[in-house]
Amino acid sequence: MFDTAVDQFTFVNFGIFFSFGKFYKKLSYNQIVLIAIGLQVLKHILISMNETKNLLVEYWPVPQKYWGESILNRIVDVVVMIVAYQYGKTGNFNHMLPKDLNKIMPF
């Protein structure tokens, strides 16, 4: 199991969700959160069940040693998916940040 928060698939997730946000802008923030969490849950279920795990070992191009993700990596992946979609959809992060950062970080 990986002990890192970011792996190569985090960048793949960013690319996929950024592209998704660029070309399909109709989803709301809540829908993207549900999709991102749902994908992580589905991935966990697929690698946990013997029947699907055997199929993945045989046909999935990603080696099995990369399947074991830490909880931290799963959380980071969800956050990356959400941010990537929003960035692809809007082209900036300004609407996601507080209006006055000095109230949060007064230095």
PDB file of N, CA and C in Angstrom:
ATOM      1  N   MET A   1       0.842  -1.176   0.000  1.00  0.00           N
ATOM      2  CA  MET A   1       0.000   0.000   0.000  1.00  0.00           C
ATOM      3  C   MET A   1       0.892   1.246   0.000  1.00  0.00           C
ATOM      4  N   PHE A   2       0.538   2.208  -0.814  1.00  0.00           N
ATOM      5  CA  PHE A   2       1.297   3.444  -0.882  1.00  0.00           C
ATOM      6  C   PHE A   2       1.132   4.255   0.399  1.00  0.00           C
ATOM      7  N   ASP A   3       2.188   4.964   0.749  1.00  0.00           N
ATOM      8  CA  ASP A   3       2.117   5.849   1.907  1.00  0.00           C
ATOM      9  C   ASP A   3       2.138   7.310   1.487  1.00  0.00           C
ATOM     10  N   THR A   4       1.991   7.559   0.203  1.00  0.00           N
ATOM     11  CA  THR A   4       2.057   8.934  -0.277  1.00  0.00           C
ATOM     12  C   THR A   4       0.659   9.485  -0.534  1.00  0.00           C
ATOM     13  N   ALA A   5       0.558  10.789  -0.407  1.00  0.00           N
ATOM     14  CA  ALA A   5      -0.731  11.439  -0.640  1.00  0.00           C
ATOM     15  C   ALA A   5      -0.985  11.618  -2.132  1.00  0.00           C
ATOM     16  N   VAL A   6       0.079  11.748  -2.910  1.00  0.00           N
ATOM     17  CA  VAL A   6      -0.044  11.980  -4.351  1.00  0.00           C
ATOM     18  C   VAL A   6       0.722  10.882  -5.074  1.00  0.00           C
ATOM     19  N   ASP A   7       0.081  10.274  -6.055  1.00  0.00           N
ATOM     20  CA  ASP A   7       0.762   9.298  -6.908  1.00  0.00           C
ATOM     21  C   ASP A   7       0.521   9.680  -8.365  1.00  0.00           C
ATOM     22  N   GLN A   8       1.019   8.874  -9.283  1.00  0.00           N
ATOM     23  CA  GLN A   8       0.879   9.214 -10.704  1.00  0.00           C
ATOM     24  C   GLN A   8      -0.581   9.262 -11.154  1.00  0.00           C
ATOM     25  N   PHE A   9      -1.438   8.530 -10.493  1.00  0.00           N
ATOM     26  CA  PHE A   9      -2.839   8.522 -10.886  1.00  0.00           C
ATOM     27  C   PHE A   9      -3.574   9.782 -10.417  1.00  0.00           C
ATOM     28  N   THR A  10      -3.006  10.474  -9.436  1.00  0.00           N
ATOM     29  CA  THR A  10      -3.563  11.759  -9.035  1.00  0.00           C
ATOM     30  C   THR A  10      -3.481  12.732 -10.205  1.00  0.00           C
ATOM     31  N   PHE A  11      -2.355  12.697 -10.934  1.00  0.00           N
ATOM     32  CA  PHE A  11      -2.193  13.562 -12.096  1.00  0.00           C
ATOM     33  C   PHE A  11      -3.099  13.134 -13.247  1.00  0.00           C
ATOM     34  N   VAL A  12      -3.303  11.837 -13.381  1.00  0.00           N
ATOM     35  CA  VAL A  12      -4.233  11.330 -14.396  1.00  0.00           C
ATOM     36  C   VAL A  12      -5.645  11.816 -14.072  1.00  0.00           C
ATOM     37  N   ASN A  13      -6.034  11.714 -12.796  1.00  0.00           N
ATOM     38  CA  ASN A  13      -7.348  12.203 -12.374  1.00  0.00           C
ATOM     39  C   ASN A  13      -7.502  13.684 -12.678  1.00  0.00           C
ATOM     40  N   PHE A  14      -6.446  14.472 -12.413  1.00  0.00           N
ATOM     41  CA  PHE A  14      -6.503  15.900 -12.694  1.00  0.00           C
ATOM     42  C   PHE A  14      -6.769  16.128 -14.174  1.00  0.00           C
ATOM     43  N   GLY A  15      -6.028  15.443 -15.030  1.00  0.00           N
ATOM     44  CA  GLY A  15      -6.195  15.618 -16.478  1.00  0.00           C
ATOM     45  C   GLY A  15      -7.581  15.244 -16.965  1.00  0.00           C
ATOM     46  N   ILE A  16      -8.096  14.150 -16.463  1.00  0.00           N
ATOM     47  CA  ILE A  16      -9.422  13.690 -16.883  1.00  0.00           C
ATOM     48  C   ILE A  16     -10.506  14.677 -16.436  1.00  0.00           C
ATOM     49  N   PHE A  17     -10.465  15.081 -15.180  1.00  0.00           N
ATOM     50  CA  PHE A  17     -11.503  15.968 -14.670  1.00  0.00           C
ATOM     51  C   PHE A  17     -11.350  17.394 -15.192  1.00  0.00           C
ATOM     52  N   PHE A  18     -10.119  17.831 -15.452  1.00  0.00           N
ATOM     53  CA  PHE A  18      -9.914  19.140 -16.073  1.00  0.00           C
ATOM     54  C   PHE A  18     -10.543  19.141 -17.468  1.00  0.00           C
ATOM     55  N   SER A  19     -10.273  18.097 -18.248  1.00  0.00           N
ATOM     56  CA  SER A  19     -10.851  17.984 -19.591  1.00  0.00           C
ATOM     57  C   SER A  19     -12.371  17.898 -19.522  1.00  0.00           C
ATOM     58  N   PHE A  20     -12.863  17.151 -18.566  1.00  0.00           N
ATOM     59  CA  PHE A  20     -14.301  17.025 -18.369  1.00  0.00           C
ATOM     60  C   PHE A  20     -14.914  18.395 -18.079  1.00  0.00           C
ATOM     61  N   GLY A  21     -14.257  19.183 -17.242  1.00  0.00           N
ATOM     62  CA  GLY A  21     -14.742  20.523 -16.919  1.00  0.00           C
ATOM     63  C   GLY A  21     -14.673  21.461 -18.110  1.00  0.00           C
ATOM     64  N   LYS A  22     -13.665  21.281 -18.955  1.00  0.00           N
ATOM     65  CA  LYS A  22     -13.510  22.123 -20.140  1.00  0.00           C
ATOM     66  C   LYS A  22     -14.639  21.904 -21.148  1.00  0.00           C
ATOM     67  N   PHE A  23     -15.037  20.650 -21.309  1.00  0.00           N
ATOM     68  CA  PHE A  23     -15.967  20.320 -22.380  1.00  0.00           C
ATOM     69  C   PHE A  23     -17.384  20.002 -21.919  1.00  0.00           C
ATOM     70  N   TYR A  24     -17.572  19.793 -20.628  1.00  0.00           N
ATOM     71  CA  TYR A  24     -18.914  19.511 -20.110  1.00  0.00           C
ATOM     72  C   TYR A  24     -19.110  20.335 -18.842  1.00  0.00           C
ATOM     73  N   LYS A  25     -19.702  21.501 -18.991  1.00  0.00           N
ATOM     74  CA  LYS A  25     -19.775  22.486 -17.908  1.00  0.00           C
ATOM     75  C   LYS A  25     -21.101  22.494 -17.165  1.00  0.00           C
ATOM     76  N   LYS A  26     -21.955  21.521 -17.418  1.00  0.00           N
ATOM     77  CA  LYS A  26     -23.304  21.546 -16.862  1.00  0.00           C
ATOM     78  C   LYS A  26     -23.410  21.013 -15.440  1.00  0.00           C
ATOM     79  N   LEU A  27     -22.385  20.363 -14.935  1.00  0.00           N
ATOM     80  CA  LEU A  27     -22.489  19.745 -13.614  1.00  0.00           C
ATOM     81  C   LEU A  27     -22.286  20.762 -12.501  1.00  0.00           C
ATOM     82  N   SER A  28     -23.023  20.583 -11.422  1.00  0.00           N
ATOM     83  CA  SER A  28     -22.874  21.462 -10.259  1.00  0.00           C
ATOM     84  C   SER A  28     -21.739  20.946  -9.378  1.00  0.00           C
ATOM     85  N   TYR A  29     -21.377  21.767  -8.425  1.00  0.00           N
ATOM     86  CA  TYR A  29     -20.336  21.399  -7.467  1.00  0.00           C
ATOM     87  C   TYR A  29     -20.726  20.112  -6.731  1.00  0.00           C
ATOM     88  N   ASN A  30     -21.966  20.023  -6.280  1.00  0.00           N
ATOM     89  CA  ASN A  30     -22.428  18.834  -5.554  1.00  0.00           C
ATOM     90  C   ASN A  30     -22.367  17.580  -6.418  1.00  0.00           C
ATOM     91  N   GLN A  31     -22.703  17.705  -7.679  1.00  0.00           N
ATOM     92  CA  GLN A  31     -22.642  16.547  -8.579  1.00  0.00           C
ATOM     93  C   GLN A  31     -21.208  16.067  -8.760  1.00  0.00           C
ATOM     94  N   ILE A  32     -20.271  16.998  -8.882  1.00  0.00           N
ATOM     95  CA  ILE A  32     -18.868  16.610  -9.035  1.00  0.00           C
ATOM     96  C   ILE A  32     -18.354  15.944  -7.765  1.00  0.00           C
ATOM     97  N   VAL A  33     -18.739  16.456  -6.614  1.00  0.00           N
ATOM     98  CA  VAL A  33     -18.337  15.829  -5.348  1.00  0.00           C
ATOM     99  C   VAL A  33     -18.867  14.395  -5.296  1.00  0.00           C
ATOM    100  N   LEU A  34     -20.122  14.196  -5.660  1.00  0.00           N
ATOM    101  CA  LEU A  34     -20.695  12.842  -5.664  1.00  0.00           C
ATOM    102  C   LEU A  34     -19.994  11.916  -6.657  1.00  0.00           C
ATOM    103  N   ILE A  35     -19.680  12.427  -7.834  1.00  0.00           N
ATOM    104  CA  ILE A  35     -18.982  11.616  -8.838  1.00  0.00           C
ATOM    105  C   ILE A  35     -17.594  11.236  -8.339  1.00  0.00           C
ATOM    106  N   ALA A  36     -16.858  12.193  -7.783  1.00  0.00           N
ATOM    107  CA  ALA A  36     -15.496  11.933  -7.307  1.00  0.00           C
ATOM    108  C   ALA A  36     -15.490  10.905  -6.172  1.00  0.00           C
ATOM    109  N   ILE A  37     -16.383  11.079  -5.208  1.00  0.00           N
ATOM    110  CA  ILE A  37     -16.466  10.126  -4.099  1.00  0.00           C
ATOM    111  C   ILE A  37     -16.956   8.773  -4.603  1.00  0.00           C
ATOM    112  N   GLY A  38     -17.940   8.798  -5.490  1.00  0.00           N
ATOM    113  CA  GLY A  38     -18.463   7.555  -6.063  1.00  0.00           C
ATOM    114  C   GLY A  38     -17.415   6.757  -6.807  1.00  0.00           C
ATOM    115  N   LEU A  39     -16.558   7.440  -7.544  1.00  0.00           N
ATOM    116  CA  LEU A  39     -15.482   6.738  -8.256  1.00  0.00           C
ATOM    117  C   LEU A  39     -14.498   6.081  -7.297  1.00  0.00           C
ATOM    118  N   GLN A  40     -14.180   6.763  -6.208  1.00  0.00           N
ATOM    119  CA  GLN A  40     -13.267   6.182  -5.224  1.00  0.00           C
ATOM    120  C   GLN A  40     -13.910   4.966  -4.539  1.00  0.00           C
ATOM    121  N   VAL A  41     -15.185   5.068  -4.220  1.00  0.00           N
ATOM    122  CA  VAL A  41     -15.889   3.936  -3.601  1.00  0.00           C
ATOM    123  C   VAL A  41     -15.964   2.765  -4.582  1.00  0.00           C
ATOM    124  N   LEU A  42     -16.320   3.047  -5.835  1.00  0.00           N
ATOM    125  CA  LEU A  42     -16.394   1.997  -6.851  1.00  0.00           C
ATOM    126  C   LEU A  42     -15.037   1.311  -7.037  1.00  0.00           C
ATOM    127  N   LYS A  43     -13.988   2.105  -7.082  1.00  0.00           N
ATOM    128  CA  LYS A  43     -12.647   1.544  -7.232  1.00  0.00           C
ATOM    129  C   LYS A  43     -12.317   0.620  -6.059  1.00  0.00           C
ATOM    130  N   HIS A  44     -12.663   1.049  -4.860  1.00  0.00           N
ATOM    131  CA  HIS A  44     -12.407   0.223  -3.674  1.00  0.00           C
ATOM    132  C   HIS A  44     -13.206  -1.084  -3.731  1.00  0.00           C
ATOM    133  N   ILE A  45     -14.456  -0.990  -4.131  1.00  0.00           N
ATOM    134  CA  ILE A  45     -15.299  -2.188  -4.224  1.00  0.00           C
ATOM    135  C   ILE A  45     -14.748  -3.149  -5.272  1.00  0.00           C
ATOM    136  N   LEU A  46     -14.359  -2.614  -6.424  1.00  0.00           N
ATOM    137  CA  LEU A  46     -13.861  -3.479  -7.502  1.00  0.00           C
ATOM    138  C   LEU A  46     -12.593  -4.231  -7.116  1.00  0.00           C
ATOM    139  N   ILE A  47     -11.709  -3.590  -6.381  1.00  0.00           N
ATOM    140  CA  ILE A  47     -10.469  -4.287  -6.016  1.00  0.00           C
ATOM    141  C   ILE A  47     -10.638  -5.139  -4.758  1.00  0.00           C
ATOM    142  N   SER A  48     -11.766  -5.004  -4.075  1.00  0.00           N
ATOM    143  CA  SER A  48     -11.999  -5.787  -2.863  1.00  0.00           C
ATOM    144  C   SER A  48     -12.722  -7.099  -3.137  1.00  0.00           C
ATOM    145  N   MET A  49     -13.494  -7.160  -4.200  1.00  0.00           N
ATOM    146  CA  MET A  49     -14.255  -8.375  -4.526  1.00  0.00           C
ATOM    147  C   MET A  49     -13.373  -9.330  -5.334  1.00  0.00           C
ATOM    148  N   ASN A  50     -13.367 -10.595  -4.946  1.00  0.00           N
ATOM    149  CA  ASN A  50     -12.495 -11.569  -5.607  1.00  0.00           C
ATOM    150  C   ASN A  50     -12.789 -11.712  -7.099  1.00  0.00           C
ATOM    151  N   GLU A  51     -14.073 -11.728  -7.461  1.00  0.00           N
ATOM    152  CA  GLU A  51     -14.432 -11.929  -8.863  1.00  0.00           C
ATOM    153  C   GLU A  51     -13.889 -10.802  -9.746  1.00  0.00           C
ATOM    154  N   THR A  52     -14.134  -9.578  -9.327  1.00  0.00           N
ATOM    155  CA  THR A  52     -13.678  -8.447 -10.142  1.00  0.00           C
ATOM    156  C   THR A  52     -12.169  -8.257 -10.020  1.00  0.00           C
ATOM    157  N   LYS A  53     -11.620  -8.561  -8.854  1.00  0.00           N
ATOM    158  CA  LYS A  53     -10.174  -8.437  -8.688  1.00  0.00           C
ATOM    159  C   LYS A  53      -9.436  -9.373  -9.643  1.00  0.00           C
ATOM    160  N   ASN A  54      -9.924 -10.598  -9.781  1.00  0.00           N
ATOM    161  CA  ASN A  54      -9.298 -11.554 -10.715  1.00  0.00           C
ATOM    162  C   ASN A  54      -9.369 -11.037 -12.151  1.00  0.00           C
ATOM    163  N   LEU A  55     -10.493 -10.455 -12.522  1.00  0.00           N
ATOM    164  CA  LEU A  55     -10.613  -9.885 -13.868  1.00  0.00           C
ATOM    165  C   LEU A  55      -9.650  -8.713 -14.061  1.00  0.00           C
ATOM    166  N   LEU A  56      -9.525  -7.881 -13.039  1.00  0.00           N
ATOM    167  CA  LEU A  56      -8.612  -6.749 -13.125  1.00  0.00           C
ATOM    168  C   LEU A  56      -7.164  -7.217 -13.247  1.00  0.00           C
ATOM    169  N   VAL A  57      -6.795  -8.239 -12.485  1.00  0.00           N
ATOM    170  CA  VAL A  57      -5.431  -8.778 -12.566  1.00  0.00           C
ATOM    171  C   VAL A  57      -5.141  -9.250 -13.988  1.00  0.00           C
ATOM    172  N   GLU A  58      -6.131  -9.870 -14.593  1.00  0.00           N
ATOM    173  CA  GLU A  58      -5.932 -10.431 -15.928  1.00  0.00           C
ATOM    174  C   GLU A  58      -5.981  -9.381 -17.042  1.00  0.00           C
ATOM    175  N   TYR A  59      -6.872  -8.399 -16.939  1.00  0.00           N
ATOM    176  CA  TYR A  59      -7.116  -7.507 -18.075  1.00  0.00           C
ATOM    177  C   TYR A  59      -6.732  -6.041 -17.869  1.00  0.00           C
ATOM    178  N   TRP A  60      -6.631  -5.577 -16.650  1.00  0.00           N
ATOM    179  CA  TRP A  60      -6.353  -4.160 -16.401  1.00  0.00           C
ATOM    180  C   TRP A  60      -4.877  -3.873 -16.650  1.00  0.00           C
ATOM    181  N   PRO A  61      -4.554  -2.840 -17.417  1.00  0.00           N
ATOM    182  CA  PRO A  61      -3.148  -2.574 -17.748  1.00  0.00           C
ATOM    183  C   PRO A  61      -2.315  -2.025 -16.588  1.00  0.00           C
ATOM    184  N   VAL A  62      -2.962  -1.555 -15.531  1.00  0.00           N
ATOM    185  CA  VAL A  62      -2.237  -1.013 -14.384  1.00  0.00           C
ATOM    186  C   VAL A  62      -1.824  -2.167 -13.475  1.00  0.00           C
ATOM    187  N   PRO A  63      -0.536  -2.281 -13.144  1.00  0.00           N
ATOM    188  CA  PRO A  63      -0.090  -3.377 -12.272  1.00  0.00           C
ATOM    189  C   PRO A  63      -0.763  -3.338 -10.900  1.00  0.00           C
ATOM    190  N   GLN A  64      -0.954  -4.503 -10.339  1.00  0.00           N
ATOM    191  CA  GLN A  64      -1.662  -4.642  -9.067  1.00  0.00           C
ATOM    192  C   GLN A  64      -0.952  -3.907  -7.935  1.00  0.00           C
ATOM    193  N   LYS A  65       0.351  -3.757  -8.012  1.00  0.00           N
ATOM    194  CA  LYS A  65       1.072  -3.087  -6.924  1.00  0.00           C
ATOM    195  C   LYS A  65       0.669  -1.617  -6.769  1.00  0.00           C
ATOM    196  N   TYR A  66       0.015  -1.042  -7.787  1.00  0.00           N
ATOM    197  CA  TYR A  66      -0.417   0.350  -7.726  1.00  0.00           C
ATOM    198  C   TYR A  66      -1.862   0.514  -7.250  1.00  0.00           C
ATOM    199  N   TRP A  67      -2.544  -0.560  -6.990  1.00  0.00           N
ATOM    200  CA  TRP A  67      -3.951  -0.477  -6.621  1.00  0.00           C
ATOM    201  C   TRP A  67      -4.159  -0.054  -5.175  1.00  0.00           C
ATOM    202  N   GLY A  68      -3.266  -0.438  -4.301  1.00  0.00           N
ATOM    203  CA  GLY A  68      -3.447  -0.157  -2.875  1.00  0.00           C
ATOM    204  C   GLY A  68      -3.172   1.301  -2.555  1.00  0.00           C
ATOM    205  N   GLU A  69      -4.230   2.038  -2.282  1.00  0.00           N
ATOM    206  CA  GLU A  69      -4.093   3.453  -1.973  1.00  0.00           C
ATOM    207  C   GLU A  69      -4.371   3.671  -0.495  1.00  0.00           C
ATOM    208  N   SER A  70      -3.647   4.616   0.077  1.00  0.00           N
ATOM    209  CA  SER A  70      -3.929   4.994   1.457  1.00  0.00           C
ATOM    210  C   SER A  70      -5.200   5.846   1.488  1.00  0.00           C
ATOM    211  N   ILE A  71      -5.762   5.969   2.654  1.00  0.00           N
ATOM    212  CA  ILE A  71      -6.947   6.826   2.827  1.00  0.00           C
ATOM    213  C   ILE A  71      -6.598   8.256   2.438  1.00  0.00           C
ATOM    214  N   LEU A  72      -5.403   8.703   2.825  1.00  0.00           N
ATOM    215  CA  LEU A  72      -4.970  10.055   2.486  1.00  0.00           C
ATOM    216  C   LEU A  72      -4.932  10.253   0.974  1.00  0.00           C
ATOM    217  N   ASN A  73      -4.423   9.267   0.244  1.00  0.00           N
ATOM    218  CA  ASN A  73      -4.380   9.374  -1.212  1.00  0.00           C
ATOM    219  C   ASN A  73      -5.777   9.426  -1.810  1.00  0.00           C
ATOM    220  N   ARG A  74      -6.700   8.675  -1.270  1.00  0.00           N
ATOM    221  CA  ARG A  74      -8.081   8.708  -1.774  1.00  0.00           C
ATOM    222  C   ARG A  74      -8.716  10.067  -1.547  1.00  0.00           C
ATOM    223  N   ILE A  75      -8.458  10.647  -0.381  1.00  0.00           N
ATOM    224  CA  ILE A  75      -9.001  11.980  -0.082  1.00  0.00           C
ATOM    225  C   ILE A  75      -8.385  13.013  -1.013  1.00  0.00           C
ATOM    226  N   VAL A  76      -7.068  12.936  -1.199  1.00  0.00           N
ATOM    227  CA  VAL A  76      -6.389  13.870  -2.103  1.00  0.00           C
ATOM    228  C   VAL A  76      -6.922  13.715  -3.518  1.00  0.00           C
ATOM    229  N   ASP A  77      -7.151  12.488  -3.957  1.00  0.00           N
ATOM    230  CA  ASP A  77      -7.699  12.256  -5.299  1.00  0.00           C
ATOM    231  C   ASP A  77      -9.065  12.919  -5.456  1.00  0.00           C
ATOM    232  N   VAL A  78      -9.914  12.808  -4.449  1.00  0.00           N
ATOM    233  CA  VAL A  78     -11.243  13.434  -4.511  1.00  0.00           C
ATOM    234  C   VAL A  78     -11.102  14.954  -4.613  1.00  0.00           C
ATOM    235  N   VAL A  79     -10.245  15.528  -3.793  1.00  0.00           N
ATOM    236  CA  VAL A  79     -10.040  16.975  -3.825  1.00  0.00           C
ATOM    237  C   VAL A  79      -9.481  17.407  -5.179  1.00  0.00           C
ATOM    238  N   VAL A  80      -8.528  16.657  -5.704  1.00  0.00           N
ATOM    239  CA  VAL A  80      -7.943  16.979  -7.007  1.00  0.00           C
ATOM    240  C   VAL A  80      -8.998  16.905  -8.108  1.00  0.00           C
ATOM    241  N   MET A  81      -9.856  15.906  -8.068  1.00  0.00           N
ATOM    242  CA  MET A  81     -10.913  15.787  -9.073  1.00  0.00           C
ATOM    243  C   MET A  81     -11.849  16.997  -9.034  1.00  0.00           C
ATOM    244  N   ILE A  82     -12.231  17.410  -7.840  1.00  0.00           N
ATOM    245  CA  ILE A  82     -13.137  18.548  -7.693  1.00  0.00           C
ATOM    246  C   ILE A  82     -12.475  19.829  -8.187  1.00  0.00           C
ATOM    247  N   VAL A  83     -11.255  20.086  -7.754  1.00  0.00           N
ATOM    248  CA  VAL A  83     -10.539  21.299  -8.145  1.00  0.00           C
ATOM    249  C   VAL A  83     -10.271  21.301  -9.647  1.00  0.00           C
ATOM    250  N   ALA A  84      -9.887  20.165 -10.202  1.00  0.00           N
ATOM    251  CA  ALA A  84      -9.600  20.088 -11.638  1.00  0.00           C
ATOM    252  C   ALA A  84     -10.846  20.381 -12.465  1.00  0.00           C
ATOM    253  N   TYR A  85     -11.982  19.825 -12.056  1.00  0.00           N
ATOM    254  CA  TYR A  85     -13.220  20.095 -12.785  1.00  0.00           C
ATOM    255  C   TYR A  85     -13.563  21.585 -12.721  1.00  0.00           C
ATOM    256  N   GLN A  86     -13.489  22.143 -11.519  1.00  0.00           N
ATOM    257  CA  GLN A  86     -13.820  23.556 -11.355  1.00  0.00           C
ATOM    258  C   GLN A  86     -12.868  24.439 -12.163  1.00  0.00           C
ATOM    259  N   TYR A  87     -11.599  24.091 -12.168  1.00  0.00           N
ATOM    260  CA  TYR A  87     -10.625  24.873 -12.927  1.00  0.00           C
ATOM    261  C   TYR A  87     -10.872  24.734 -14.430  1.00  0.00           C
ATOM    262  N   GLY A  88     -11.163  23.536 -14.887  1.00  0.00           N
ATOM    263  CA  GLY A  88     -11.488  23.342 -16.291  1.00  0.00           C
ATOM    264  C   GLY A  88     -12.758  24.061 -16.693  1.00  0.00           C
ATOM    265  N   LYS A  89     -13.721  24.086 -15.808  1.00  0.00           N
ATOM    266  CA  LYS A  89     -15.019  24.705 -16.076  1.00  0.00           C
ATOM    267  C   LYS A  89     -14.918  26.226 -16.126  1.00  0.00           C
ATOM    268  N   THR A  90     -14.184  26.825 -15.201  1.00  0.00           N
ATOM    269  CA  THR A  90     -14.157  28.279 -15.084  1.00  0.00           C
ATOM    270  C   THR A  90     -12.868  28.918 -15.579  1.00  0.00           C
ATOM    271  N   GLY A  91     -11.775  28.181 -15.580  1.00  0.00           N
ATOM    272  CA  GLY A  91     -10.490  28.734 -16.006  1.00  0.00           C
ATOM    273  C   GLY A  91      -9.749  29.456 -14.904  1.00  0.00           C
ATOM    274  N   ASN A  92     -10.317  29.530 -13.706  1.00  0.00           N
ATOM    275  CA  ASN A  92      -9.608  30.140 -12.580  1.00  0.00           C
ATOM    276  C   ASN A  92     -10.141  29.600 -11.263  1.00  0.00           C
ATOM    277  N   PHE A  93      -9.422  29.951 -10.203  1.00  0.00           N
ATOM    278  CA  PHE A  93      -9.810  29.516  -8.868  1.00  0.00           C
ATOM    279  C   PHE A  93     -10.401  30.653  -8.046  1.00  0.00           C
ATOM    280  N   ASN A  94     -10.539  31.835  -8.620  1.00  0.00           N
ATOM    281  CA  ASN A  94     -10.942  33.012  -7.841  1.00  0.00           C
ATOM    282  C   ASN A  94     -12.267  32.825  -7.114  1.00  0.00           C
ATOM    283  N   HIS A  95     -13.235  32.194  -7.744  1.00  0.00           N
ATOM    284  CA  HIS A  95     -14.536  32.020  -7.110  1.00  0.00           C
ATOM    285  C   HIS A  95     -14.506  31.009  -5.968  1.00  0.00           C
ATOM    286  N   MET A  96     -13.436  30.225  -5.876  1.00  0.00           N
ATOM    287  CA  MET A  96     -13.318  29.217  -4.835  1.00  0.00           C
ATOM    288  C   MET A  96     -12.618  29.758  -3.589  1.00  0.00           C
ATOM    289  N   LEU A  97     -11.967  30.921  -3.705  1.00  0.00           N
ATOM    290  CA  LEU A  97     -11.223  31.497  -2.597  1.00  0.00           C
ATOM    291  C   LEU A  97     -12.065  32.518  -1.849  1.00  0.00           C
ATOM    292  N   PRO A  98     -11.783  32.691  -0.546  1.00  0.00           N
ATOM    293  CA  PRO A  98     -12.485  33.745   0.205  1.00  0.00           C
ATOM    294  C   PRO A  98     -12.164  35.111  -0.387  1.00  0.00           C
ATOM    295  N   LYS A  99     -13.087  36.037  -0.269  1.00  0.00           N
ATOM    296  CA  LYS A  99     -12.913  37.370  -0.852  1.00  0.00           C
ATOM    297  C   LYS A  99     -11.768  38.142  -0.194  1.00  0.00           C
ATOM    298  N   ASP A 100     -11.611  37.983   1.113  1.00  0.00           N
ATOM    299  CA  ASP A 100     -10.584  38.731   1.818  1.00  0.00           C
ATOM    300  C   ASP A 100      -9.659  37.755   2.552  1.00  0.00           C
ATOM    301  N   LEU A 101      -8.546  37.431   1.921  1.00  0.00           N
ATOM    302  CA  LEU A 101      -7.613  36.482   2.518  1.00  0.00           C
ATOM    303  C   LEU A 101      -6.943  37.036   3.769  1.00  0.00           C
ATOM    304  N   ASN A 102      -6.916  38.347   3.941  1.00  0.00           N
ATOM    305  CA  ASN A 102      -6.299  38.945   5.122  1.00  0.00           C
ATOM    306  C   ASN A 102      -7.023  38.558   6.405  1.00  0.00           C
ATOM    307  N   LYS A 103      -8.305  38.260   6.326  1.00  0.00           N
ATOM    308  CA  LYS A 103      -9.053  37.836   7.509  1.00  0.00           C
ATOM    309  C   LYS A 103      -8.621  36.440   7.958  1.00  0.00           C
ATOM    310  N   ILE A 104      -8.188  35.624   6.993  1.00  0.00           N
ATOM    311  CA  ILE A 104      -7.768  34.262   7.308  1.00  0.00           C
ATOM    312  C   ILE A 104      -6.278  34.229   7.643  1.00  0.00           C
ATOM    313  N   MET A 105      -5.473  34.916   6.820  1.00  0.00           N
ATOM    314  CA  MET A 105      -4.023  34.928   7.000  1.00  0.00           C
ATOM    315  C   MET A 105      -3.576  36.392   7.160  1.00  0.00           C
ATOM    316  N   PRO A 106      -3.572  36.896   8.377  1.00  0.00           N
ATOM    317  CA  PRO A 106      -3.302  38.327   8.579  1.00  0.00           C
ATOM    318  C   PRO A 106      -1.819  38.685   8.590  1.00  0.00           C
ATOM    319  N   PHE A 107      -0.979  37.962   7.916  1.00  0.00           N
ATOM    320  CA  PHE A 107       0.449  38.322   7.894  1.00  0.00           C
ATOM    321  C   PHE A 107       0.879  38.814   6.547  1.00  0.00           C
TER     322      PHE A 107
END
